[in-house]
Amino acid sequence: MSDVLGGGCMCGKVHFEVREAATDLYHCHCSMCRKVHGTVFATYAVAPKTGVVITRGAENLSRFDSSPGVSRFFCRTCGCQIMIDVAVQPDDRWFMPGILDGAVHPGAAATERHIFVGSKLPWLHLDSQLPQSEDM
C-alpha cells in the first residue's frame, strides 16, 4: 500500500491512519456486532496492529470489552466505533473501513468473507460468491 489512509469518528475528535494494507475484510454477523452498530452486519478491515495508528484524540477513546478477548474502542463523544482488538489475533487490529475519509478501499489484496453466519438474521440473503464461515 503506497498511500496512507485516514479516517475518523463522526464528531472529528478521534482520527486514525492505516499505514499498512488490510489483509482481510470481514462482514461479521454476530449478535454483538449487530447490536453495537445497529445494522444487519458490521464490516471490519484487518491490518497489522502497528499499521493502525491513532493520530488525534487518543484521550477521547473509550474501551468496552464486549466479550472475553474482544476490546472495542470508540469515541466517547459521538460513540463511533473506531477499532477492535481481538485476543486470538494479537498482532492485528480490526478497524472500520466505513469511517475512512473518501471512498477508498482499505486493501485491494484483502480477502473478503462473511463470518459468524450462524448468527445472521434469517431474512438476510448473502452473496454466495463470498466465502462464509460459522466463526472467524
Protein backbone atom coordinates (compact mmCIF):
# COMPACT_ATOMS: atom_id res chain seq x y z
CA MET A 1 0.00 0.00 0.00
CA SER A 2 1.66 3.20 -1.11
CA ASP A 3 -0.77 5.71 0.35
CA VAL A 4 -1.64 6.21 3.97
CA LEU A 5 -5.38 6.03 4.56
CA GLY A 6 -7.02 8.33 7.09
CA GLY A 7 -10.30 8.19 8.89
CA GLY A 8 -12.09 9.28 11.99
CA CYS A 9 -15.21 9.45 14.06
CA MET A 10 -18.36 11.39 13.24
CA CYS A 11 -17.59 14.37 15.51
CA GLY A 12 -13.96 14.58 14.35
CA LYS A 13 -12.36 14.28 17.78
CA VAL A 14 -10.65 10.93 17.02
CA HIS A 15 -8.60 10.42 13.87
CA PHE A 16 -6.54 7.43 12.77
CA GLU A 17 -4.27 6.36 9.93
CA VAL A 18 -3.88 2.99 8.27
CA ARG A 19 -0.25 2.72 7.24
CA GLU A 20 -0.22 -0.93 6.15
CA ALA A 21 -2.58 -2.67 3.75
CA ALA A 22 -5.50 -4.62 5.13
CA THR A 23 -5.13 -8.37 4.87
CA ASP A 24 -8.78 -9.29 5.46
CA LEU A 25 -12.21 -7.73 5.12
CA TYR A 26 -14.82 -9.33 7.39
CA HIS A 27 -18.59 -8.90 7.30
CA CYS A 28 -19.48 -10.02 10.83
CA HIS A 29 -22.98 -11.31 11.58
CA CYS A 30 -22.57 -12.00 15.32
CA SER A 31 -25.25 -10.55 17.59
CA MET A 32 -22.76 -8.30 19.42
CA CYS A 33 -21.62 -6.58 16.22
CA ARG A 34 -25.21 -6.19 15.06
CA LYS A 35 -26.18 -4.59 18.39
CA VAL A 36 -23.19 -2.26 18.73
CA HIS A 37 -23.65 -0.96 15.17
CA GLY A 38 -27.43 -1.20 14.88
CA THR A 39 -27.03 -2.87 11.49
CA VAL A 40 -27.65 -6.29 9.96
CA PHE A 41 -23.88 -6.94 9.95
CA ALA A 42 -20.70 -4.97 10.62
CA THR A 43 -17.75 -4.68 8.24
CA TYR A 44 -14.18 -4.66 9.50
CA ALA A 45 -10.84 -4.43 7.75
CA VAL A 46 -7.91 -6.18 9.41
CA ALA A 47 -4.37 -4.82 9.26
CA PRO A 48 -1.20 -5.28 11.30
CA LYS A 49 -1.66 -3.59 14.69
CA THR A 50 1.47 -1.49 14.13
CA GLY A 51 -0.08 -0.11 10.94
CA VAL A 52 -3.27 1.31 12.51
CA VAL A 53 -2.34 4.43 14.46
CA ILE A 54 -4.45 6.95 16.37
CA THR A 55 -3.14 10.33 15.21
CA ARG A 56 -5.52 12.63 17.08
CA GLY A 57 -7.83 12.25 20.06
CA ALA A 58 -6.42 9.16 21.79
CA GLU A 59 -7.55 10.72 25.07
CA ASN A 60 -11.12 10.69 23.73
CA LEU A 61 -11.14 6.93 23.09
CA SER A 62 -13.14 4.69 25.39
CA ARG A 63 -12.79 0.94 25.62
CA PHE A 64 -15.54 -1.63 26.02
CA ASP A 65 -14.72 -5.32 26.48
CA SER A 66 -17.76 -6.84 24.80
CA SER A 67 -16.70 -10.44 25.43
CA PRO A 68 -13.60 -12.25 26.67
CA GLY A 69 -10.76 -11.32 24.35
CA VAL A 70 -12.63 -8.62 22.38
CA SER A 71 -11.94 -4.96 23.16
CA ARG A 72 -13.87 -2.31 21.23
CA PHE A 73 -12.56 1.27 21.05
CA PHE A 74 -14.94 4.12 20.32
CA CYS A 75 -15.17 7.90 20.55
CA ARG A 76 -16.58 8.88 23.92
CA THR A 77 -18.23 11.98 22.43
CA CYS A 78 -20.13 10.64 19.41
CA GLY A 79 -20.00 6.88 20.14
CA CYS A 80 -18.45 5.99 16.78
CA GLN A 81 -16.60 2.67 16.92
CA ILE A 82 -13.05 3.10 15.64
CA MET A 83 -11.35 -0.28 16.03
CA ILE A 84 -11.31 -3.64 17.78
CA ASP A 85 -8.53 -5.75 19.27
CA VAL A 86 -9.20 -9.49 19.23
CA ALA A 87 -7.06 -11.67 21.53
CA VAL A 88 -6.87 -14.59 19.09
CA GLN A 89 -5.22 -12.20 16.58
CA PRO A 90 -2.80 -10.32 18.86
CA ASP A 91 -0.72 -8.84 16.02
CA ASP A 92 -3.74 -7.49 14.14
CA ARG A 93 -6.19 -4.65 14.60
CA TRP A 94 -9.71 -4.59 13.18
CA PHE A 95 -10.80 -1.14 12.02
CA MET A 96 -13.96 0.26 10.50
CA PRO A 97 -13.42 0.84 6.75
CA GLY A 98 -16.72 2.73 6.59
CA ILE A 99 -15.20 5.64 8.52
CA LEU A 100 -12.19 6.08 6.22
CA ASP A 101 -12.11 9.51 4.56
CA GLY A 102 -13.36 9.28 0.99
CA ALA A 103 -14.44 6.23 -0.97
CA VAL A 104 -11.22 4.28 -0.58
CA HIS A 105 -10.79 0.52 -0.36
CA PRO A 106 -8.72 -0.50 2.69
CA GLY A 107 -6.67 -3.08 0.79
CA ALA A 108 -7.05 -4.36 -2.75
CA ALA A 109 -5.49 -7.71 -1.81
CA ALA A 110 -7.68 -8.19 1.28
CA THR A 111 -9.56 -11.47 1.49
CA GLU A 112 -13.26 -10.67 1.84
CA ARG A 113 -15.69 -13.01 3.62
CA HIS A 114 -18.71 -13.30 5.88
CA ILE A 115 -18.03 -14.51 9.44
CA PHE A 116 -20.31 -15.83 12.19
CA VAL A 117 -23.01 -16.57 9.62
CA GLY A 118 -24.69 -18.94 12.10
CA SER A 119 -25.86 -15.79 13.91
CA LYS A 120 -27.03 -13.87 10.84
CA LEU A 121 -30.56 -12.60 10.61
CA PRO A 122 -32.66 -15.29 8.91
CA TRP A 123 -34.19 -12.88 6.38
CA LEU A 124 -30.83 -11.59 5.13
CA HIS A 125 -29.68 -13.08 1.81
CA LEU A 126 -25.89 -13.25 1.45
CA ASP A 127 -23.89 -13.00 -1.75
CA SER A 128 -22.95 -16.59 -2.44
CA GLN A 129 -19.75 -15.54 -4.23
CA LEU A 130 -18.04 -14.63 -0.95
CA PRO A 131 -16.73 -17.30 1.43
CA GLN A 132 -18.78 -17.81 4.61
CA SER A 133 -17.80 -19.30 7.97
CA GLU A 134 -19.58 -20.13 11.22
CA ASP A 135 -16.77 -18.45 13.18
CA MET A 136 -13.69 -16.43 12.24
